[in-house]
Amino acid sequence: MSKVRARAYVSGIVQGVFFRATTAEEAQRIGYLTGWVRNLPDGRVEVVCEGSKENVERLVAWLWHGPPSAHVSDVNVTWSDATGEYRVFSVAHGRS
């Protein structure tokens, strides 16, 4: 089974609402996903995720809603082949 990578930029009220933590929990719930999630200085959240196309699409669909306190206005996704560089899905602390 081939794997894919999605890089998503999530806009809206997505910081200070547990978006990173719940994204990591959702990735673990879906299973077999690797990558990371982090806050960006401009108020967006960035997510890099690798796994089967079906599982990555499930996480991307979830990003449109996020946790209950979030108000997502846009999710901009770019797709590419997976690189296999990640072993787990984690929360990156700090801002880039």
PDB file of N, CA and C in Angstrom:
ATOM      1  N   MET A   1       0.842  -1.179   0.000  1.00  0.00           N
ATOM      2  CA  MET A   1       0.000   0.000   0.000  1.00  0.00           C
ATOM      3  C   MET A   1       0.890   1.247   0.000  1.00  0.00           C
ATOM      4  N   SER A   2       0.662   2.162  -0.930  1.00  0.00           N
ATOM      5  CA  SER A   2       1.464   3.378  -0.981  1.00  0.00           C
ATOM      6  C   SER A   2       0.987   4.360   0.077  1.00  0.00           C
ATOM      7  N   LYS A   3       1.925   5.154   0.532  1.00  0.00           N
ATOM      8  CA  LYS A   3       1.610   6.148   1.548  1.00  0.00           C
ATOM      9  C   LYS A   3       1.725   7.537   0.955  1.00  0.00           C
ATOM     10  N   VAL A   4       0.995   8.478   1.554  1.00  0.00           N
ATOM     11  CA  VAL A   4       0.975   9.858   1.090  1.00  0.00           C
ATOM     12  C   VAL A   4       1.344  10.792   2.236  1.00  0.00           C
ATOM     13  N   ARG A   5       1.638  12.019   1.857  1.00  0.00           N
ATOM     14  CA  ARG A   5       1.902  13.084   2.837  1.00  0.00           C
ATOM     15  C   ARG A   5       0.960  14.236   2.545  1.00  0.00           C
ATOM     16  N   ALA A   6       0.404  14.795   3.600  1.00  0.00           N
ATOM     17  CA  ALA A   6      -0.381  16.022   3.488  1.00  0.00           C
ATOM     18  C   ALA A   6       0.251  17.067   4.396  1.00  0.00           C
ATOM     19  N   ARG A   7       0.414  18.273   3.862  1.00  0.00           N
ATOM     20  CA  ARG A   7       0.819  19.426   4.673  1.00  0.00           C
ATOM     21  C   ARG A   7      -0.370  20.366   4.663  1.00  0.00           C
ATOM     22  N   ALA A   8      -0.903  20.630   5.852  1.00  0.00           N
ATOM     23  CA  ALA A   8      -2.111  21.449   5.954  1.00  0.00           C
ATOM     24  C   ALA A   8      -1.848  22.680   6.806  1.00  0.00           C
ATOM     25  N   TYR A   9      -2.393  23.802   6.354  1.00  0.00           N
ATOM     26  CA  TYR A   9      -2.373  25.046   7.111  1.00  0.00           C
ATOM     27  C   TYR A   9      -3.814  25.350   7.486  1.00  0.00           C
ATOM     28  N   VAL A  10      -4.078  25.374   8.786  1.00  0.00           N
ATOM     29  CA  VAL A  10      -5.437  25.532   9.299  1.00  0.00           C
ATOM     30  C   VAL A  10      -5.589  26.959   9.821  1.00  0.00           C
ATOM     31  N   SER A  11      -6.592  27.670   9.300  1.00  0.00           N
ATOM     32  CA  SER A  11      -6.840  29.064   9.681  1.00  0.00           C
ATOM     33  C   SER A  11      -8.132  29.184  10.473  1.00  0.00           C
ATOM     34  N   GLY A  12      -8.226  30.267  11.216  1.00  0.00           N
ATOM     35  CA  GLY A  12      -9.413  30.551  12.011  1.00  0.00           C
ATOM     36  C   GLY A  12      -9.017  30.713  13.466  1.00  0.00           C
ATOM     37  N   ILE A  13      -9.930  30.404  14.366  1.00  0.00           N
ATOM     38  CA  ILE A  13      -9.611  30.407  15.798  1.00  0.00           C
ATOM     39  C   ILE A  13      -9.119  29.001  16.117  1.00  0.00           C
ATOM     40  N   VAL A  14      -7.797  28.827  15.978  1.00  0.00           N
ATOM     41  CA  VAL A  14      -7.212  27.489  16.090  1.00  0.00           C
ATOM     42  C   VAL A  14      -6.033  27.426  17.070  1.00  0.00           C
ATOM     43  N   GLN A  15      -5.709  28.538  17.706  1.00  0.00           N
ATOM     44  CA  GLN A  15      -4.681  28.517  18.742  1.00  0.00           C
ATOM     45  C   GLN A  15      -5.336  28.858  20.070  1.00  0.00           C
ATOM     46  N   GLY A  16      -4.834  28.223  21.133  1.00  0.00           N
ATOM     47  CA  GLY A  16      -5.400  28.452  22.455  1.00  0.00           C
ATOM     48  C   GLY A  16      -6.690  27.694  22.689  1.00  0.00           C
ATOM     49  N   VAL A  17      -6.993  26.718  21.818  1.00  0.00           N
ATOM     50  CA  VAL A  17      -8.233  25.946  21.935  1.00  0.00           C
ATOM     51  C   VAL A  17      -7.931  24.437  21.932  1.00  0.00           C
ATOM     52  N   PHE A  18      -6.699  24.078  22.281  1.00  0.00           N
ATOM     53  CA  PHE A  18      -6.256  22.676  22.335  1.00  0.00           C
ATOM     54  C   PHE A  18      -6.239  22.000  20.965  1.00  0.00           C
ATOM     55  N   PHE A  19      -6.040  22.779  19.909  1.00  0.00           N
ATOM     56  CA  PHE A  19      -6.046  22.223  18.562  1.00  0.00           C
ATOM     57  C   PHE A  19      -4.906  21.230  18.361  1.00  0.00           C
ATOM     58  N   ARG A  20      -3.698  21.599  18.804  1.00  0.00           N
ATOM     59  CA  ARG A  20      -2.551  20.696  18.611  1.00  0.00           C
ATOM     60  C   ARG A  20      -2.750  19.381  19.347  1.00  0.00           C
ATOM     61  N   ALA A  21      -3.136  19.460  20.605  1.00  0.00           N
ATOM     62  CA  ALA A  21      -3.297  18.240  21.414  1.00  0.00           C
ATOM     63  C   ALA A  21      -4.383  17.337  20.855  1.00  0.00           C
ATOM     64  N   THR A  22      -5.502  17.927  20.467  1.00  0.00           N
ATOM     65  CA  THR A  22      -6.588  17.088  19.963  1.00  0.00           C
ATOM     66  C   THR A  22      -6.296  16.563  18.561  1.00  0.00           C
ATOM     67  N   THR A  23      -5.498  17.296  17.782  1.00  0.00           N
ATOM     68  CA  THR A  23      -5.073  16.765  16.482  1.00  0.00           C
ATOM     69  C   THR A  23      -4.211  15.529  16.689  1.00  0.00           C
ATOM     70  N   ALA A  24      -3.288  15.586  17.638  1.00  0.00           N
ATOM     71  CA  ALA A  24      -2.448  14.417  17.932  1.00  0.00           C
ATOM     72  C   ALA A  24      -3.298  13.254  18.432  1.00  0.00           C
ATOM     73  N   GLU A  25      -4.276  13.540  19.275  1.00  0.00           N
ATOM     74  CA  GLU A  25      -5.176  12.481  19.762  1.00  0.00           C
ATOM     75  C   GLU A  25      -5.966  11.862  18.610  1.00  0.00           C
ATOM     76  N   GLU A  26      -6.438  12.689  17.692  1.00  0.00           N
ATOM     77  CA  GLU A  26      -7.196  12.181  16.547  1.00  0.00           C
ATOM     78  C   GLU A  26      -6.306  11.337  15.637  1.00  0.00           C
ATOM     79  N   ALA A  27      -5.079  11.778  15.420  1.00  0.00           N
ATOM     80  CA  ALA A  27      -4.143  10.996  14.601  1.00  0.00           C
ATOM     81  C   ALA A  27      -3.904   9.625  15.231  1.00  0.00           C
ATOM     82  N   GLN A  28      -3.775   9.582  16.552  1.00  0.00           N
ATOM     83  CA  GLN A  28      -3.585   8.306  17.244  1.00  0.00           C
ATOM     84  C   GLN A  28      -4.854   7.463  17.176  1.00  0.00           C
ATOM     85  N   ARG A  29      -6.020   8.090  17.269  1.00  0.00           N
ATOM     86  CA  ARG A  29      -7.276   7.360  17.195  1.00  0.00           C
ATOM     87  C   ARG A  29      -7.446   6.719  15.813  1.00  0.00           C
ATOM     88  N   ILE A  30      -7.136   7.488  14.773  1.00  0.00           N
ATOM     89  CA  ILE A  30      -7.224   6.963  13.410  1.00  0.00           C
ATOM     90  C   ILE A  30      -6.217   5.827  13.235  1.00  0.00           C
ATOM     91  N   GLY A  31      -5.015   6.041  13.727  1.00  0.00           N
ATOM     92  CA  GLY A  31      -3.980   5.004  13.700  1.00  0.00           C
ATOM     93  C   GLY A  31      -3.114   5.035  12.451  1.00  0.00           C
ATOM     94  N   TYR A  32      -1.912   4.537  12.608  1.00  0.00           N
ATOM     95  CA  TYR A  32      -0.952   4.379  11.514  1.00  0.00           C
ATOM     96  C   TYR A  32      -0.624   5.686  10.812  1.00  0.00           C
ATOM     97  N   LEU A  33      -0.638   6.793  11.568  1.00  0.00           N
ATOM     98  CA  LEU A  33      -0.256   8.094  11.027  1.00  0.00           C
ATOM     99  C   LEU A  33       0.998   8.582  11.730  1.00  0.00           C
ATOM    100  N   THR A  34       1.863   9.252  10.981  1.00  0.00           N
ATOM    101  CA  THR A  34       3.054   9.857  11.549  1.00  0.00           C
ATOM    102  C   THR A  34       3.114  11.313  11.108  1.00  0.00           C
ATOM    103  N   GLY A  35       3.909  12.110  11.822  1.00  0.00           N
ATOM    104  CA  GLY A  35       4.070  13.515  11.470  1.00  0.00           C
ATOM    105  C   GLY A  35       4.038  14.393  12.692  1.00  0.00           C
ATOM    106  N   TRP A  36       3.547  15.614  12.520  1.00  0.00           N
ATOM    107  CA  TRP A  36       3.525  16.563  13.628  1.00  0.00           C
ATOM    108  C   TRP A  36       2.505  17.674  13.388  1.00  0.00           C
ATOM    109  N   VAL A  37       2.238  18.418  14.450  1.00  0.00           N
ATOM    110  CA  VAL A  37       1.351  19.579  14.409  1.00  0.00           C
ATOM    111  C   VAL A  37       2.008  20.682  15.232  1.00  0.00           C
ATOM    112  N   ARG A  38       1.934  21.930  14.737  1.00  0.00           N
ATOM    113  CA  ARG A  38       2.527  23.053  15.475  1.00  0.00           C
ATOM    114  C   ARG A  38       1.765  24.335  15.209  1.00  0.00           C
ATOM    115  N   ASN A  39       1.895  25.280  16.147  1.00  0.00           N
ATOM    116  CA  ASN A  39       1.360  26.629  15.975  1.00  0.00           C
ATOM    117  C   ASN A  39       2.328  27.437  15.123  1.00  0.00           C
ATOM    118  N   LEU A  40       1.798  28.335  14.329  1.00  0.00           N
ATOM    119  CA  LEU A  40       2.605  29.273  13.561  1.00  0.00           C
ATOM    120  C   LEU A  40       2.436  30.675  14.127  1.00  0.00           C
ATOM    121  N   PRO A  41       3.447  31.536  13.968  1.00  0.00           N
ATOM    122  CA  PRO A  41       3.364  32.890  14.520  1.00  0.00           C
ATOM    123  C   PRO A  41       2.194  33.706  13.987  1.00  0.00           C
ATOM    124  N   ASP A  42       1.690  33.381  12.804  1.00  0.00           N
ATOM    125  CA  ASP A  42       0.594  34.168  12.215  1.00  0.00           C
ATOM    126  C   ASP A  42      -0.787  33.717  12.685  1.00  0.00           C
ATOM    127  N   GLY A  43      -0.847  32.785  13.645  1.00  0.00           N
ATOM    128  CA  GLY A  43      -2.128  32.358  14.208  1.00  0.00           C
ATOM    129  C   GLY A  43      -2.686  31.083  13.601  1.00  0.00           C
ATOM    130  N   ARG A  44      -2.060  30.586  12.530  1.00  0.00           N
ATOM    131  CA  ARG A  44      -2.503  29.334  11.935  1.00  0.00           C
ATOM    132  C   ARG A  44      -1.852  28.150  12.650  1.00  0.00           C
ATOM    133  N   VAL A  45      -2.354  26.960  12.339  1.00  0.00           N
ATOM    134  CA  VAL A  45      -1.752  25.710  12.788  1.00  0.00           C
ATOM    135  C   VAL A  45      -1.287  24.968  11.550  1.00  0.00           C
ATOM    136  N   GLU A  46      -0.069  24.418  11.607  1.00  0.00           N
ATOM    137  CA  GLU A  46       0.482  23.630  10.510  1.00  0.00           C
ATOM    138  C   GLU A  46       0.503  22.160  10.912  1.00  0.00           C
ATOM    139  N   VAL A  47       0.089  21.305   9.994  1.00  0.00           N
ATOM    140  CA  VAL A  47       0.065  19.860  10.232  1.00  0.00           C
ATOM    141  C   VAL A  47       0.771  19.174   9.076  1.00  0.00           C
ATOM    142  N   VAL A  48       1.699  18.288   9.398  1.00  0.00           N
ATOM    143  CA  VAL A  48       2.308  17.407   8.405  1.00  0.00           C
ATOM    144  C   VAL A  48       1.978  15.991   8.833  1.00  0.00           C
ATOM    145  N   CYS A  49       1.377  15.238   7.920  1.00  0.00           N
ATOM    146  CA  CYS A  49       0.879  13.914   8.264  1.00  0.00           C
ATOM    147  C   CYS A  49       1.187  12.930   7.143  1.00  0.00           C
ATOM    148  N   GLU A  50       1.647  11.735   7.514  1.00  0.00           N
ATOM    149  CA  GLU A  50       1.895  10.681   6.541  1.00  0.00           C
ATOM    150  C   GLU A  50       1.179   9.403   6.955  1.00  0.00           C
ATOM    151  N   GLY A  51       0.756   8.656   5.963  1.00  0.00           N
ATOM    152  CA  GLY A  51       0.097   7.376   6.193  1.00  0.00           C
ATOM    153  C   GLY A  51      -0.632   6.949   4.943  1.00  0.00           C
ATOM    154  N   SER A  52      -1.532   5.986   5.078  1.00  0.00           N
ATOM    155  CA  SER A  52      -2.329   5.577   3.924  1.00  0.00           C
ATOM    156  C   SER A  52      -3.196   6.757   3.496  1.00  0.00           C
ATOM    157  N   LYS A  53      -3.541   6.801   2.215  1.00  0.00           N
ATOM    158  CA  LYS A  53      -4.351   7.909   1.716  1.00  0.00           C
ATOM    159  C   LYS A  53      -5.655   8.007   2.493  1.00  0.00           C
ATOM    160  N   GLU A  54      -6.289   6.879   2.758  1.00  0.00           N
ATOM    161  CA  GLU A  54      -7.567   6.876   3.484  1.00  0.00           C
ATOM    162  C   GLU A  54      -7.422   7.484   4.874  1.00  0.00           C
ATOM    163  N   ASN A  55      -6.385   7.086   5.613  1.00  0.00           N
ATOM    164  CA  ASN A  55      -6.204   7.598   6.972  1.00  0.00           C
ATOM    165  C   ASN A  55      -5.812   9.070   6.978  1.00  0.00           C
ATOM    166  N   VAL A  56      -4.961   9.479   6.048  1.00  0.00           N
ATOM    167  CA  VAL A  56      -4.575  10.896   5.986  1.00  0.00           C
ATOM    168  C   VAL A  56      -5.790  11.741   5.606  1.00  0.00           C
ATOM    169  N   GLU A  57      -6.605  11.263   4.673  1.00  0.00           N
ATOM    170  CA  GLU A  57      -7.831  11.994   4.316  1.00  0.00           C
ATOM    171  C   GLU A  57      -8.776  12.114   5.501  1.00  0.00           C
ATOM    172  N   ARG A  58      -8.827  11.089   6.346  1.00  0.00           N
ATOM    173  CA  ARG A  58      -9.680  11.156   7.542  1.00  0.00           C
ATOM    174  C   ARG A  58      -9.199  12.261   8.478  1.00  0.00           C
ATOM    175  N   LEU A  59      -7.883  12.374   8.674  1.00  0.00           N
ATOM    176  CA  LEU A  59      -7.366  13.427   9.547  1.00  0.00           C
ATOM    177  C   LEU A  59      -7.610  14.802   8.923  1.00  0.00           C
ATOM    178  N   VAL A  60      -7.383  14.935   7.624  1.00  0.00           N
ATOM    179  CA  VAL A  60      -7.621  16.221   6.954  1.00  0.00           C
ATOM    180  C   VAL A  60      -9.092  16.622   7.079  1.00  0.00           C
ATOM    181  N   ALA A  61     -10.005  15.684   6.926  1.00  0.00           N
ATOM    182  CA  ALA A  61     -11.432  15.995   7.100  1.00  0.00           C
ATOM    183  C   ALA A  61     -11.706  16.463   8.524  1.00  0.00           C
ATOM    184  N   TRP A  62     -11.059  15.840   9.504  1.00  0.00           N
ATOM    185  CA  TRP A  62     -11.245  16.238  10.903  1.00  0.00           C
ATOM    186  C   TRP A  62     -10.732  17.658  11.133  1.00  0.00           C
ATOM    187  N   LEU A  63      -9.659  18.046  10.434  1.00  0.00           N
ATOM    188  CA  LEU A  63      -9.091  19.385  10.612  1.00  0.00           C
ATOM    189  C   LEU A  63     -10.105  20.484  10.310  1.00  0.00           C
ATOM    190  N   TRP A  64     -11.064  20.210   9.451  1.00  0.00           N
ATOM    191  CA  TRP A  64     -12.084  21.209   9.111  1.00  0.00           C
ATOM    192  C   TRP A  64     -12.990  21.519  10.295  1.00  0.00           C
ATOM    193  N   HIS A  65     -12.983  20.658  11.307  1.00  0.00           N
ATOM    194  CA  HIS A  65     -13.811  20.890  12.503  1.00  0.00           C
ATOM    195  C   HIS A  65     -12.944  21.161  13.721  1.00  0.00           C
ATOM    196  N   GLY A  66     -11.919  20.332  13.919  1.00  0.00           N
ATOM    197  CA  GLY A  66     -11.046  20.481  15.070  1.00  0.00           C
ATOM    198  C   GLY A  66     -11.785  20.233  16.374  1.00  0.00           C
ATOM    199  N   PRO A  67     -11.201  20.669  17.470  1.00  0.00           N
ATOM    200  CA  PRO A  67     -11.850  20.500  18.772  1.00  0.00           C
ATOM    201  C   PRO A  67     -13.058  21.422  18.901  1.00  0.00           C
ATOM    202  N   PRO A  68     -13.914  21.160  19.878  1.00  0.00           N
ATOM    203  CA  PRO A  68     -15.155  21.952  20.017  1.00  0.00           C
ATOM    204  C   PRO A  68     -14.947  23.463  20.125  1.00  0.00           C
ATOM    205  N   SER A  69     -13.852  23.906  20.734  1.00  0.00           N
ATOM    206  CA  SER A  69     -13.631  25.346  20.924  1.00  0.00           C
ATOM    207  C   SER A  69     -13.088  26.045  19.680  1.00  0.00           C
ATOM    208  N   ALA A  70     -12.648  25.294  18.695  1.00  0.00           N
ATOM    209  CA  ALA A  70     -12.062  25.884  17.487  1.00  0.00           C
ATOM    210  C   ALA A  70     -13.146  26.357  16.523  1.00  0.00           C
ATOM    211  N   HIS A  71     -12.775  27.324  15.719  1.00  0.00           N
ATOM    212  CA  HIS A  71     -13.636  27.809  14.636  1.00  0.00           C
ATOM    213  C   HIS A  71     -12.753  27.878  13.391  1.00  0.00           C
ATOM    214  N   VAL A  72     -12.776  26.822  12.612  1.00  0.00           N
ATOM    215  CA  VAL A  72     -11.917  26.704  11.438  1.00  0.00           C
ATOM    216  C   VAL A  72     -12.553  27.449  10.267  1.00  0.00           C
ATOM    217  N   SER A  73     -11.769  28.326   9.640  1.00  0.00           N
ATOM    218  CA  SER A  73     -12.271  29.058   8.477  1.00  0.00           C
ATOM    219  C   SER A  73     -11.697  28.512   7.175  1.00  0.00           C
ATOM    220  N   ASP A  74     -10.531  27.859   7.224  1.00  0.00           N
ATOM    221  CA  ASP A  74      -9.933  27.325   5.999  1.00  0.00           C
ATOM    222  C   ASP A  74      -8.896  26.268   6.347  1.00  0.00           C
ATOM    223  N   VAL A  75      -8.765  25.287   5.475  1.00  0.00           N
ATOM    224  CA  VAL A  75      -7.701  24.285   5.555  1.00  0.00           C
ATOM    225  C   VAL A  75      -7.093  24.203   4.166  1.00  0.00           C
ATOM    226  N   ASN A  76      -5.852  24.655   4.037  1.00  0.00           N
ATOM    227  CA  ASN A  76      -5.137  24.625   2.769  1.00  0.00           C
ATOM    228  C   ASN A  76      -4.198  23.430   2.797  1.00  0.00           C
ATOM    229  N   VAL A  77      -4.413  22.456   1.901  1.00  0.00           N
ATOM    230  CA  VAL A  77      -3.668  21.196   1.925  1.00  0.00           C
ATOM    231  C   VAL A  77      -2.875  21.030   0.644  1.00  0.00           C
ATOM    232  N   THR A  78      -1.629  20.621   0.782  1.00  0.00           N
ATOM    233  CA  THR A  78      -0.831  20.185  -0.359  1.00  0.00           C
ATOM    234  C   THR A  78      -0.486  18.717  -0.147  1.00  0.00           C
ATOM    235  N   TRP A  79      -0.526  17.951  -1.223  1.00  0.00           N
ATOM    236  CA  TRP A  79      -0.299  16.509  -1.177  1.00  0.00           C
ATOM    237  C   TRP A  79       1.014  16.164  -1.869  1.00  0.00           C
ATOM    238  N   SER A  80       1.695  15.152  -1.345  1.00  0.00           N
ATOM    239  CA  SER A  80       2.910  14.644  -1.973  1.00  0.00           C
ATOM    240  C   SER A  80       3.110  13.196  -1.534  1.00  0.00           C
ATOM    241  N   ASP A  81       4.159  12.597  -2.038  1.00  0.00           N
ATOM    242  CA  ASP A  81       4.495  11.240  -1.614  1.00  0.00           C
ATOM    243  C   ASP A  81       5.070  11.277  -0.203  1.00  0.00           C
ATOM    244  N   ALA A  82       4.809  10.254   0.569  1.00  0.00           N
ATOM    245  CA  ALA A  82       5.369  10.159   1.921  1.00  0.00           C
ATOM    246  C   ALA A  82       6.881   9.978   1.833  1.00  0.00           C
ATOM    247  N   THR A  83       7.576  10.512   2.823  1.00  0.00           N
ATOM    248  CA  THR A  83       9.036  10.369   2.874  1.00  0.00           C
ATOM    249  C   THR A  83       9.459   9.300   3.870  1.00  0.00           C
ATOM    250  N   GLY A  84       8.583   8.973   4.810  1.00  0.00           N
ATOM    251  CA  GLY A  84       8.918   7.984   5.825  1.00  0.00           C
ATOM    252  C   GLY A  84       9.851   8.501   6.902  1.00  0.00           C
ATOM    253  N   GLU A  85      10.018   9.810   6.985  1.00  0.00           N
ATOM    254  CA  GLU A  85      10.982  10.368   7.941  1.00  0.00           C
ATOM    255  C   GLU A  85      10.476  10.416   9.383  1.00  0.00           C
ATOM    256  N   TYR A  86       9.187  10.235   9.605  1.00  0.00           N
ATOM    257  CA  TYR A  86       8.635  10.309  10.964  1.00  0.00           C
ATOM    258  C   TYR A  86       8.276   8.916  11.462  1.00  0.00           C
ATOM    259  N   ARG A  87       8.427   8.716  12.767  1.00  0.00           N
ATOM    260  CA  ARG A  87       8.107   7.418  13.359  1.00  0.00           C
ATOM    261  C   ARG A  87       6.805   7.460  14.153  1.00  0.00           C
ATOM    262  N   VAL A  88       6.423   8.652  14.628  1.00  0.00           N
ATOM    263  CA  VAL A  88       5.212   8.838  15.422  1.00  0.00           C
ATOM    264  C   VAL A  88       4.542  10.135  14.977  1.00  0.00           C
ATOM    265  N   PHE A  89       3.365  10.411  15.532  1.00  0.00           N
ATOM    266  CA  PHE A  89       2.718  11.705  15.334  1.00  0.00           C
ATOM    267  C   PHE A  89       2.876  12.475  16.631  1.00  0.00           C
ATOM    268  N   SER A  90       3.427  13.687  16.567  1.00  0.00           N
ATOM    269  CA  SER A  90       3.732  14.428  17.791  1.00  0.00           C
ATOM    270  C   SER A  90       3.299  15.885  17.702  1.00  0.00           C
ATOM    271  N   VAL A  91       3.267  16.509  18.852  1.00  0.00           N
ATOM    272  CA  VAL A  91       2.994  17.935  18.966  1.00  0.00           C
ATOM    273  C   VAL A  91       4.341  18.641  19.030  1.00  0.00           C
ATOM    274  N   ALA A  92       4.580  19.536  18.089  1.00  0.00           N
ATOM    275  CA  ALA A  92       5.798  20.341  18.104  1.00  0.00           C
ATOM    276  C   ALA A  92       5.533  21.553  18.984  1.00  0.00           C
ATOM    277  N   HIS A  93       6.360  21.763  19.965  1.00  0.00           N
ATOM    278  CA  HIS A  93       6.163  22.891  20.884  1.00  0.00           C
ATOM    279  C   HIS A  93       6.926  24.105  20.391  1.00  0.00           C
ATOM    280  N   GLY A  94       6.399  25.241  20.709  1.00  0.00           N
ATOM    281  CA  GLY A  94       7.008  26.491  20.245  1.00  0.00           C
ATOM    282  C   GLY A  94       6.475  26.830  18.869  1.00  0.00           C
ATOM    283  N   ARG A  95       6.923  27.949  18.352  1.00  0.00           N
ATOM    284  CA  ARG A  95       6.481  28.418  17.044  1.00  0.00           C
ATOM    285  C   ARG A  95       7.676  28.516  16.131  1.00  0.00           C
ATOM    286  N   SER A  96       7.424  28.285  14.851  1.00  0.00           N
ATOM    287  CA  SER A  96       8.530  28.345  13.889  1.00  0.00           C
ATOM    288  C   SER A  96       8.925  29.776  13.607  1.00  0.00           C
TER     289      SER A  96
END
